Amino acid sequence: MYILDGRNMLTKQEAYAEIKKVLEAPAYMGNNLDALSDVLSETQGEITLIHACAMLNGLKKYALRLLEVFFDACEDNPYLSFTLGMKHDA
């Protein structure tokens, strides 16, 4: 199980750093949506994003694009699941 923390994803750079760290993505993974999609296509397990509101507030519309990539990857990869956690921002 992988836990992404939205409080660590307030900028694009921070978001990709968190994703790479948590998913143990290859060092060569680019900081873009296509690279994320490629990594998710080969990832197995459950990914949960906690404190999603913090990420949404920081990244605005880009956060929605990130979420879309995660949900789309789950449709294409039967070994991957993605959920929004129940921890709320304080």
PDB file of N, CA and C in Angstrom:
ATOM      1  N   MET A   1       0.848  -1.181   0.000  1.00  0.00           N
ATOM      2  CA  MET A   1       0.000   0.000   0.000  1.00  0.00           C
ATOM      3  C   MET A   1       0.892   1.241   0.000  1.00  0.00           C
ATOM      4  N   TYR A   2       0.506   2.195  -0.814  1.00  0.00           N
ATOM      5  CA  TYR A   2       1.236   3.447  -0.937  1.00  0.00           C
ATOM      6  C   TYR A   2       0.362   4.577  -0.406  1.00  0.00           C
ATOM      7  N   ILE A   3       0.933   5.441   0.436  1.00  0.00           N
ATOM      8  CA  ILE A   3       0.195   6.575   1.000  1.00  0.00           C
ATOM      9  C   ILE A   3       0.853   7.873   0.538  1.00  0.00           C
ATOM     10  N   LEU A   4       0.143   8.619  -0.299  1.00  0.00           N
ATOM     11  CA  LEU A   4       0.592   9.948  -0.708  1.00  0.00           C
ATOM     12  C   LEU A   4      -0.033  10.964   0.224  1.00  0.00           C
ATOM     13  N   ASP A   5       0.739  11.942   0.658  1.00  0.00           N
ATOM     14  CA  ASP A   5       0.242  12.973   1.563  1.00  0.00           C
ATOM     15  C   ASP A   5       0.136  14.291   0.799  1.00  0.00           C
ATOM     16  N   GLY A   6      -1.094  14.762   0.612  1.00  0.00           N
ATOM     17  CA  GLY A   6      -1.336  15.995  -0.119  1.00  0.00           C
ATOM     18  C   GLY A   6      -0.662  17.211   0.480  1.00  0.00           C
ATOM     19  N   ARG A   7      -0.334  17.165   1.760  1.00  0.00           N
ATOM     20  CA  ARG A   7       0.367  18.292   2.392  1.00  0.00           C
ATOM     21  C   ARG A   7       1.791  18.419   1.868  1.00  0.00           C
ATOM     22  N   ASN A   8       2.297  17.348   1.260  1.00  0.00           N
ATOM     23  CA  ASN A   8       3.637  17.359   0.664  1.00  0.00           C
ATOM     24  C   ASN A   8       3.586  17.600  -0.837  1.00  0.00           C
ATOM     25  N   MET A   9       2.417  18.025  -1.341  1.00  0.00           N
ATOM     26  CA  MET A   9       2.206  18.151  -2.779  1.00  0.00           C
ATOM     27  C   MET A   9       1.608  19.519  -3.135  1.00  0.00           C
ATOM     28  N   LEU A  10       2.197  20.570  -2.620  1.00  0.00           N
ATOM     29  CA  LEU A  10       1.626  21.913  -2.786  1.00  0.00           C
ATOM     30  C   LEU A  10       2.089  22.615  -4.060  1.00  0.00           C
ATOM     31  N   THR A  11       3.183  22.151  -4.646  1.00  0.00           N
ATOM     32  CA  THR A  11       3.677  22.662  -5.919  1.00  0.00           C
ATOM     33  C   THR A  11       3.895  21.460  -6.830  1.00  0.00           C
ATOM     34  N   LYS A  12       4.052  21.703  -8.125  1.00  0.00           N
ATOM     35  CA  LYS A  12       4.309  20.588  -9.041  1.00  0.00           C
ATOM     36  C   LYS A  12       5.580  19.849  -8.648  1.00  0.00           C
ATOM     37  N   GLN A  13       6.621  20.605  -8.324  1.00  0.00           N
ATOM     38  CA  GLN A  13       7.890  19.976  -7.947  1.00  0.00           C
ATOM     39  C   GLN A  13       7.715  19.103  -6.708  1.00  0.00           C
ATOM     40  N   GLU A  14       7.015  19.619  -5.700  1.00  0.00           N
ATOM     41  CA  GLU A  14       6.775  18.835  -4.485  1.00  0.00           C
ATOM     42  C   GLU A  14       5.903  17.617  -4.778  1.00  0.00           C
ATOM     43  N   ALA A  15       4.915  17.782  -5.639  1.00  0.00           N
ATOM     44  CA  ALA A  15       4.009  16.671  -5.959  1.00  0.00           C
ATOM     45  C   ALA A  15       4.772  15.509  -6.586  1.00  0.00           C
ATOM     46  N   TYR A  16       5.591  15.829  -7.574  1.00  0.00           N
ATOM     47  CA  TYR A  16       6.338  14.754  -8.228  1.00  0.00           C
ATOM     48  C   TYR A  16       7.392  14.158  -7.303  1.00  0.00           C
ATOM     49  N   ALA A  17       7.975  14.961  -6.430  1.00  0.00           N
ATOM     50  CA  ALA A  17       8.936  14.424  -5.456  1.00  0.00           C
ATOM     51  C   ALA A  17       8.247  13.435  -4.522  1.00  0.00           C
ATOM     52  N   GLU A  18       7.044  13.772  -4.055  1.00  0.00           N
ATOM     53  CA  GLU A  18       6.279  12.883  -3.177  1.00  0.00           C
ATOM     54  C   GLU A  18       5.905  11.594  -3.911  1.00  0.00           C
ATOM     55  N   ILE A  19       5.440  11.733  -5.137  1.00  0.00           N
ATOM     56  CA  ILE A  19       5.039  10.565  -5.921  1.00  0.00           C
ATOM     57  C   ILE A  19       6.236   9.647  -6.149  1.00  0.00           C
ATOM     58  N   LYS A  20       7.355  10.216  -6.548  1.00  0.00           N
ATOM     59  CA  LYS A  20       8.551   9.399  -6.798  1.00  0.00           C
ATOM     60  C   LYS A  20       9.008   8.681  -5.536  1.00  0.00           C
ATOM     61  N   LYS A  21       9.003   9.406  -4.414  1.00  0.00           N
ATOM     62  CA  LYS A  21       9.448   8.811  -3.151  1.00  0.00           C
ATOM     63  C   LYS A  21       8.517   7.677  -2.724  1.00  0.00           C
ATOM     64  N   VAL A  22       7.236   7.948  -2.703  1.00  0.00           N
ATOM     65  CA  VAL A  22       6.275   6.971  -2.186  1.00  0.00           C
ATOM     66  C   VAL A  22       6.153   5.757  -3.105  1.00  0.00           C
ATOM     67  N   LEU A  23       6.108   5.999  -4.413  1.00  0.00           N
ATOM     68  CA  LEU A  23       5.950   4.884  -5.345  1.00  0.00           C
ATOM     69  C   LEU A  23       7.278   4.217  -5.693  1.00  0.00           C
ATOM     70  N   GLU A  24       8.366   4.771  -5.152  1.00  0.00           N
ATOM     71  CA  GLU A  24       9.703   4.258  -5.464  1.00  0.00           C
ATOM     72  C   GLU A  24       9.905   4.194  -6.976  1.00  0.00           C
ATOM     73  N   ALA A  25       9.527   5.295  -7.626  1.00  0.00           N
ATOM     74  CA  ALA A  25       9.621   5.394  -9.085  1.00  0.00           C
ATOM     75  C   ALA A  25      11.080   5.504  -9.508  1.00  0.00           C
ATOM     76  N   PRO A  26      11.364   5.122 -10.728  1.00  0.00           N
ATOM     77  CA  PRO A  26      12.742   5.240 -11.222  1.00  0.00           C
ATOM     78  C   PRO A  26      13.218   6.691 -11.186  1.00  0.00           C
ATOM     79  N   ALA A  27      14.475   6.879 -10.935  1.00  0.00           N
ATOM     80  CA  ALA A  27      15.050   8.225 -10.835  1.00  0.00           C
ATOM     81  C   ALA A  27      14.863   9.018 -12.117  1.00  0.00           C
ATOM     82  N   TYR A  28      14.782   8.316 -13.239  1.00  0.00           N
ATOM     83  CA  TYR A  28      14.651   9.001 -14.522  1.00  0.00           C
ATOM     84  C   TYR A  28      13.223   9.457 -14.835  1.00  0.00           C
ATOM     85  N   MET A  29      12.256   9.145 -13.948  1.00  0.00           N
ATOM     86  CA  MET A  29      10.879   9.568 -14.195  1.00  0.00           C
ATOM     87  C   MET A  29      10.821  11.084 -14.319  1.00  0.00           C
ATOM     88  N   GLY A  30      10.207  11.565 -15.385  1.00  0.00           N
ATOM     89  CA  GLY A  30      10.058  13.000 -15.585  1.00  0.00           C
ATOM     90  C   GLY A  30       8.968  13.585 -14.709  1.00  0.00           C
ATOM     91  N   ASN A  31       8.996  14.884 -14.564  1.00  0.00           N
ATOM     92  CA  ASN A  31       7.983  15.585 -13.771  1.00  0.00           C
ATOM     93  C   ASN A  31       6.857  16.052 -14.676  1.00  0.00           C
ATOM     94  N   ASN A  32       6.128  15.077 -15.235  1.00  0.00           N
ATOM     95  CA  ASN A  32       5.008  15.421 -16.107  1.00  0.00           C
ATOM     96  C   ASN A  32       3.968  14.306 -16.065  1.00  0.00           C
ATOM     97  N   LEU A  33       2.797  14.613 -16.571  1.00  0.00           N
ATOM     98  CA  LEU A  33       1.677  13.682 -16.488  1.00  0.00           C
ATOM     99  C   LEU A  33       1.901  12.409 -17.306  1.00  0.00           C
ATOM    100  N   ASP A  34       2.556  12.532 -18.455  1.00  0.00           N
ATOM    101  CA  ASP A  34       2.828  11.341 -19.267  1.00  0.00           C
ATOM    102  C   ASP A  34       3.758  10.375 -18.547  1.00  0.00           C
ATOM    103  N   ALA A  35       4.779  10.915 -17.908  1.00  0.00           N
ATOM    104  CA  ALA A  35       5.710  10.069 -17.157  1.00  0.00           C
ATOM    105  C   ALA A  35       4.998   9.394 -15.989  1.00  0.00           C
ATOM    106  N   LEU A  36       4.128  10.128 -15.317  1.00  0.00           N
ATOM    107  CA  LEU A  36       3.358   9.549 -14.220  1.00  0.00           C
ATOM    108  C   LEU A  36       2.488   8.411 -14.738  1.00  0.00           C
ATOM    109  N   SER A  37       1.830   8.634 -15.849  1.00  0.00           N
ATOM    110  CA  SER A  37       0.988   7.593 -16.433  1.00  0.00           C
ATOM    111  C   SER A  37       1.803   6.344 -16.754  1.00  0.00           C
ATOM    112  N   ASP A  38       2.983   6.527 -17.298  1.00  0.00           N
ATOM    113  CA  ASP A  38       3.849   5.388 -17.610  1.00  0.00           C
ATOM    114  C   ASP A  38       4.209   4.599 -16.355  1.00  0.00           C
ATOM    115  N   VAL A  39       4.566   5.300 -15.289  1.00  0.00           N
ATOM    116  CA  VAL A  39       4.924   4.624 -14.033  1.00  0.00           C
ATOM    117  C   VAL A  39       3.718   3.885 -13.461  1.00  0.00           C
ATOM    118  N   LEU A  40       2.559   4.523 -13.493  1.00  0.00           N
ATOM    119  CA  LEU A  40       1.361   3.891 -12.941  1.00  0.00           C
ATOM    120  C   LEU A  40       0.940   2.666 -13.746  1.00  0.00           C
ATOM    121  N   SER A  41       1.263   2.644 -15.015  1.00  0.00           N
ATOM    122  CA  SER A  41       0.901   1.486 -15.840  1.00  0.00           C
ATOM    123  C   SER A  41       1.648   0.231 -15.399  1.00  0.00           C
ATOM    124  N   GLU A  42       2.756   0.412 -14.692  1.00  0.00           N
ATOM    125  CA  GLU A  42       3.558  -0.718 -14.236  1.00  0.00           C
ATOM    126  C   GLU A  42       3.511  -0.913 -12.715  1.00  0.00           C
ATOM    127  N   THR A  43       2.718  -0.098 -12.040  1.00  0.00           N
ATOM    128  CA  THR A  43       2.625  -0.158 -10.577  1.00  0.00           C
ATOM    129  C   THR A  43       1.514  -1.110 -10.165  1.00  0.00           C
ATOM    130  N   GLN A  44       1.776  -1.879  -9.131  1.00  0.00           N
ATOM    131  CA  GLN A  44       0.762  -2.775  -8.580  1.00  0.00           C
ATOM    132  C   GLN A  44       0.513  -2.403  -7.132  1.00  0.00           C
ATOM    133  N   GLY A  45      -0.738  -2.432  -6.709  1.00  0.00           N
ATOM    134  CA  GLY A  45      -1.072  -2.177  -5.316  1.00  0.00           C
ATOM    135  C   GLY A  45      -2.101  -1.076  -5.159  1.00  0.00           C
ATOM    136  N   GLU A  46      -2.272  -0.683  -3.916  1.00  0.00           N
ATOM    137  CA  GLU A  46      -3.259   0.328  -3.559  1.00  0.00           C
ATOM    138  C   GLU A  46      -2.546   1.642  -3.265  1.00  0.00           C
ATOM    139  N   ILE A  47      -2.998   2.697  -3.910  1.00  0.00           N
ATOM    140  CA  ILE A  47      -2.481   4.036  -3.652  1.00  0.00           C
ATOM    141  C   ILE A  47      -3.597   4.832  -3.005  1.00  0.00           C
ATOM    142  N   THR A  48      -3.293   5.461  -1.881  1.00  0.00           N
ATOM    143  CA  THR A  48      -4.255   6.316  -1.194  1.00  0.00           C
ATOM    144  C   THR A  48      -3.660   7.709  -1.059  1.00  0.00           C
ATOM    145  N   LEU A  49      -4.458   8.697  -1.391  1.00  0.00           N
ATOM    146  CA  LEU A  49      -4.061  10.089  -1.210  1.00  0.00           C
ATOM    147  C   LEU A  49      -4.779  10.642  -0.001  1.00  0.00           C
ATOM    148  N   ILE A  50      -4.013  11.000   1.034  1.00  0.00           N
ATOM    149  CA  ILE A  50      -4.601  11.635   2.211  1.00  0.00           C
ATOM    150  C   ILE A  50      -4.357  13.142   2.118  1.00  0.00           C
ATOM    151  N   HIS A  51      -5.175  13.903   2.817  1.00  0.00           N
ATOM    152  CA  HIS A  51      -5.065  15.363   2.818  1.00  0.00           C
ATOM    153  C   HIS A  51      -5.125  15.921   1.398  1.00  0.00           C
ATOM    154  N   ALA A  52      -6.069  15.398   0.631  1.00  0.00           N
ATOM    155  CA  ALA A  52      -6.217  15.817  -0.766  1.00  0.00           C
ATOM    156  C   ALA A  52      -6.544  17.305  -0.884  1.00  0.00           C
ATOM    157  N   CYS A  53      -7.261  17.845   0.083  1.00  0.00           N
ATOM    158  CA  CYS A  53      -7.629  19.270   0.013  1.00  0.00           C
ATOM    159  C   CYS A  53      -6.396  20.167  -0.003  1.00  0.00           C
ATOM    160  N   ALA A  54      -5.377  19.791   0.722  1.00  0.00           N
ATOM    161  CA  ALA A  54      -4.146  20.584   0.729  1.00  0.00           C
ATOM    162  C   ALA A  54      -3.547  20.613  -0.666  1.00  0.00           C
ATOM    163  N   MET A  55      -3.506  19.460  -1.325  1.00  0.00           N
ATOM    164  CA  MET A  55      -2.980  19.402  -2.685  1.00  0.00           C
ATOM    165  C   MET A  55      -3.846  20.225  -3.631  1.00  0.00           C
ATOM    166  N   LEU A  56      -5.148  20.100  -3.514  1.00  0.00           N
ATOM    167  CA  LEU A  56      -6.064  20.854  -4.380  1.00  0.00           C
ATOM    168  C   LEU A  56      -5.892  22.353  -4.197  1.00  0.00           C
ATOM    169  N   ASN A  57      -5.738  22.786  -2.967  1.00  0.00           N
ATOM    170  CA  ASN A  57      -5.550  24.219  -2.706  1.00  0.00           C
ATOM    171  C   ASN A  57      -4.216  24.728  -3.248  1.00  0.00           C
ATOM    172  N   GLY A  58      -3.200  23.875  -3.204  1.00  0.00           N
ATOM    173  CA  GLY A  58      -1.888  24.294  -3.669  1.00  0.00           C
ATOM    174  C   GLY A  58      -1.743  24.257  -5.181  1.00  0.00           C
ATOM    175  N   LEU A  59      -2.234  23.186  -5.785  1.00  0.00           N
ATOM    176  CA  LEU A  59      -2.017  22.967  -7.219  1.00  0.00           C
ATOM    177  C   LEU A  59      -3.174  23.447  -8.104  1.00  0.00           C
ATOM    178  N   LYS A  60      -4.303  23.731  -7.485  1.00  0.00           N
ATOM    179  CA  LYS A  60      -5.480  24.204  -8.229  1.00  0.00           C
ATOM    180  C   LYS A  60      -5.853  23.228  -9.355  1.00  0.00           C
ATOM    181  N   LYS A  61      -6.005  23.715 -10.564  1.00  0.00           N
ATOM    182  CA  LYS A  61      -6.463  22.877 -11.679  1.00  0.00           C
ATOM    183  C   LYS A  61      -5.495  21.737 -11.989  1.00  0.00           C
ATOM    184  N   TYR A  62      -4.214  21.945 -11.753  1.00  0.00           N
ATOM    185  CA  TYR A  62      -3.250  20.881 -12.029  1.00  0.00           C
ATOM    186  C   TYR A  62      -3.509  19.668 -11.132  1.00  0.00           C
ATOM    187  N   ALA A  63      -4.001  19.898  -9.932  1.00  0.00           N
ATOM    188  CA  ALA A  63      -4.332  18.789  -9.031  1.00  0.00           C
ATOM    189  C   ALA A  63      -5.407  17.904  -9.656  1.00  0.00           C
ATOM    190  N   LEU A  64      -6.370  18.521 -10.320  1.00  0.00           N
ATOM    191  CA  LEU A  64      -7.423  17.748 -10.970  1.00  0.00           C
ATOM    192  C   LEU A  64      -6.857  16.897 -12.110  1.00  0.00           C
ATOM    193  N   ARG A  65      -5.891  17.437 -12.814  1.00  0.00           N
ATOM    194  CA  ARG A  65      -5.245  16.681 -13.891  1.00  0.00           C
ATOM    195  C   ARG A  65      -4.468  15.496 -13.322  1.00  0.00           C
ATOM    196  N   LEU A  66      -3.784  15.713 -12.187  1.00  0.00           N
ATOM    197  CA  LEU A  66      -3.076  14.605 -11.528  1.00  0.00           C
ATOM    198  C   LEU A  66      -4.059  13.506 -11.125  1.00  0.00           C
ATOM    199  N   LEU A  67      -5.157  13.903 -10.507  1.00  0.00           N
ATOM    200  CA  LEU A  67      -6.149  12.918 -10.077  1.00  0.00           C
ATOM    201  C   LEU A  67      -6.699  12.143 -11.272  1.00  0.00           C
ATOM    202  N   GLU A  68      -6.926  12.840 -12.364  1.00  0.00           N
ATOM    203  CA  GLU A  68      -7.420  12.179 -13.567  1.00  0.00           C
ATOM    204  C   GLU A  68      -6.440  11.099 -14.045  1.00  0.00           C
ATOM    205  N   VAL A  69      -5.152  11.389 -13.990  1.00  0.00           N
ATOM    206  CA  VAL A  69      -4.150  10.403 -14.397  1.00  0.00           C
ATOM    207  C   VAL A  69      -4.209   9.174 -13.488  1.00  0.00           C
ATOM    208  N   PHE A  70      -4.339   9.400 -12.184  1.00  0.00           N
ATOM    209  CA  PHE A  70      -4.425   8.270 -11.256  1.00  0.00           C
ATOM    210  C   PHE A  70      -5.657   7.417 -11.542  1.00  0.00           C
ATOM    211  N   PHE A  71      -6.808   8.052 -11.689  1.00  0.00           N
ATOM    212  CA  PHE A  71      -8.041   7.288 -11.929  1.00  0.00           C
ATOM    213  C   PHE A  71      -8.019   6.602 -13.293  1.00  0.00           C
ATOM    214  N   ASP A  72      -7.495   7.264 -14.313  1.00  0.00           N
ATOM    215  CA  ASP A  72      -7.389   6.642 -15.631  1.00  0.00           C
ATOM    216  C   ASP A  72      -6.462   5.431 -15.591  1.00  0.00           C
ATOM    217  N   ALA A  73      -5.380   5.540 -14.846  1.00  0.00           N
ATOM    218  CA  ALA A  73      -4.437   4.420 -14.739  1.00  0.00           C
ATOM    219  C   ALA A  73      -5.111   3.196 -14.134  1.00  0.00           C
ATOM    220  N   CYS A  74      -6.000   3.413 -13.200  1.00  0.00           N
ATOM    221  CA  CYS A  74      -6.711   2.289 -12.574  1.00  0.00           C
ATOM    222  C   CYS A  74      -7.631   1.588 -13.564  1.00  0.00           C
ATOM    223  N   GLU A  75      -8.171   2.338 -14.505  1.00  0.00           N
ATOM    224  CA  GLU A  75      -9.011   1.724 -15.528  1.00  0.00           C
ATOM    225  C   GLU A  75      -8.194   0.845 -16.459  1.00  0.00           C
ATOM    226  N   ASP A  76      -6.952   1.249 -16.718  1.00  0.00           N
ATOM    227  CA  ASP A  76      -6.090   0.527 -17.650  1.00  0.00           C
ATOM    228  C   ASP A  76      -5.259  -0.565 -16.986  1.00  0.00           C
ATOM    229  N   ASN A  77      -5.038  -0.450 -15.688  1.00  0.00           N
ATOM    230  CA  ASN A  77      -4.179  -1.386 -14.964  1.00  0.00           C
ATOM    231  C   ASN A  77      -5.018  -2.100 -13.898  1.00  0.00           C
ATOM    232  N   PRO A  78      -5.373  -3.366 -14.123  1.00  0.00           N
ATOM    233  CA  PRO A  78      -6.237  -4.079 -13.169  1.00  0.00           C
ATOM    234  C   PRO A  78      -5.558  -4.381 -11.835  1.00  0.00           C
ATOM    235  N   TYR A  79      -4.260  -4.156 -11.736  1.00  0.00           N
ATOM    236  CA  TYR A  79      -3.527  -4.444 -10.500  1.00  0.00           C
ATOM    237  C   TYR A  79      -3.306  -3.189  -9.664  1.00  0.00           C
ATOM    238  N   LEU A  80      -3.954  -2.093 -10.041  1.00  0.00           N
ATOM    239  CA  LEU A  80      -3.770  -0.812  -9.375  1.00  0.00           C
ATOM    240  C   LEU A  80      -5.107  -0.275  -8.892  1.00  0.00           C
ATOM    241  N   SER A  81      -5.115   0.283  -7.687  1.00  0.00           N
ATOM    242  CA  SER A  81      -6.308   0.984  -7.200  1.00  0.00           C
ATOM    243  C   SER A  81      -5.876   2.309  -6.589  1.00  0.00           C
ATOM    244  N   PHE A  82      -6.766   3.278  -6.657  1.00  0.00           N
ATOM    245  CA  PHE A  82      -6.487   4.615  -6.141  1.00  0.00           C
ATOM    246  C   PHE A  82      -7.703   5.115  -5.400  1.00  0.00           C
ATOM    247  N   THR A  83      -7.485   5.596  -4.167  1.00  0.00           N
ATOM    248  CA  THR A  83      -8.582   6.142  -3.373  1.00  0.00           C
ATOM    249  C   THR A  83      -8.124   7.433  -2.698  1.00  0.00           C
ATOM    250  N   LEU A  84      -9.109   8.227  -2.377  1.00  0.00           N
ATOM    251  CA  LEU A  84      -8.862   9.421  -1.564  1.00  0.00           C
ATOM    252  C   LEU A  84      -9.108   9.015  -0.125  1.00  0.00           C
ATOM    253  N   GLY A  85      -8.115   9.250   0.732  1.00  0.00           N
ATOM    254  CA  GLY A  85      -8.197   8.849   2.127  1.00  0.00           C
ATOM    255  C   GLY A  85      -9.172   9.688   2.913  1.00  0.00           C
ATOM    256  N   MET A  86      -9.444   9.262   4.108  1.00  0.00           N
ATOM    257  CA  MET A  86     -10.428   9.937   4.946  1.00  0.00           C
ATOM    258  C   MET A  86      -9.823  10.952   5.896  1.00  0.00           C
ATOM    259  N   LYS A  87      -8.520  11.134   5.893  1.00  0.00           N
ATOM    260  CA  LYS A  87      -7.914  12.146   6.763  1.00  0.00           C
ATOM    261  C   LYS A  87      -8.198  13.514   6.196  1.00  0.00           C
ATOM    262  N   HIS A  88      -8.692  14.402   7.028  1.00  0.00           N
ATOM    263  CA  HIS A  88      -9.058  15.741   6.586  1.00  0.00           C
ATOM    264  C   HIS A  88      -8.003  16.735   7.000  1.00  0.00           C
ATOM    265  N   ASP A  89      -7.927  17.803   6.236  1.00  0.00           N
ATOM    266  CA  ASP A  89      -6.987  18.860   6.568  1.00  0.00           C
ATOM    267  C   ASP A  89      -7.484  19.622   7.783  1.00  0.00           C
ATOM    268  N   ALA A  90      -6.538  20.018   8.621  1.00  0.00           N
ATOM    269  CA  ALA A  90      -6.911  20.765   9.819  1.00  0.00           C
ATOM    270  C   ALA A  90      -6.823  22.256   9.556  1.00  0.00           C
TER     271      ALA A  90
END
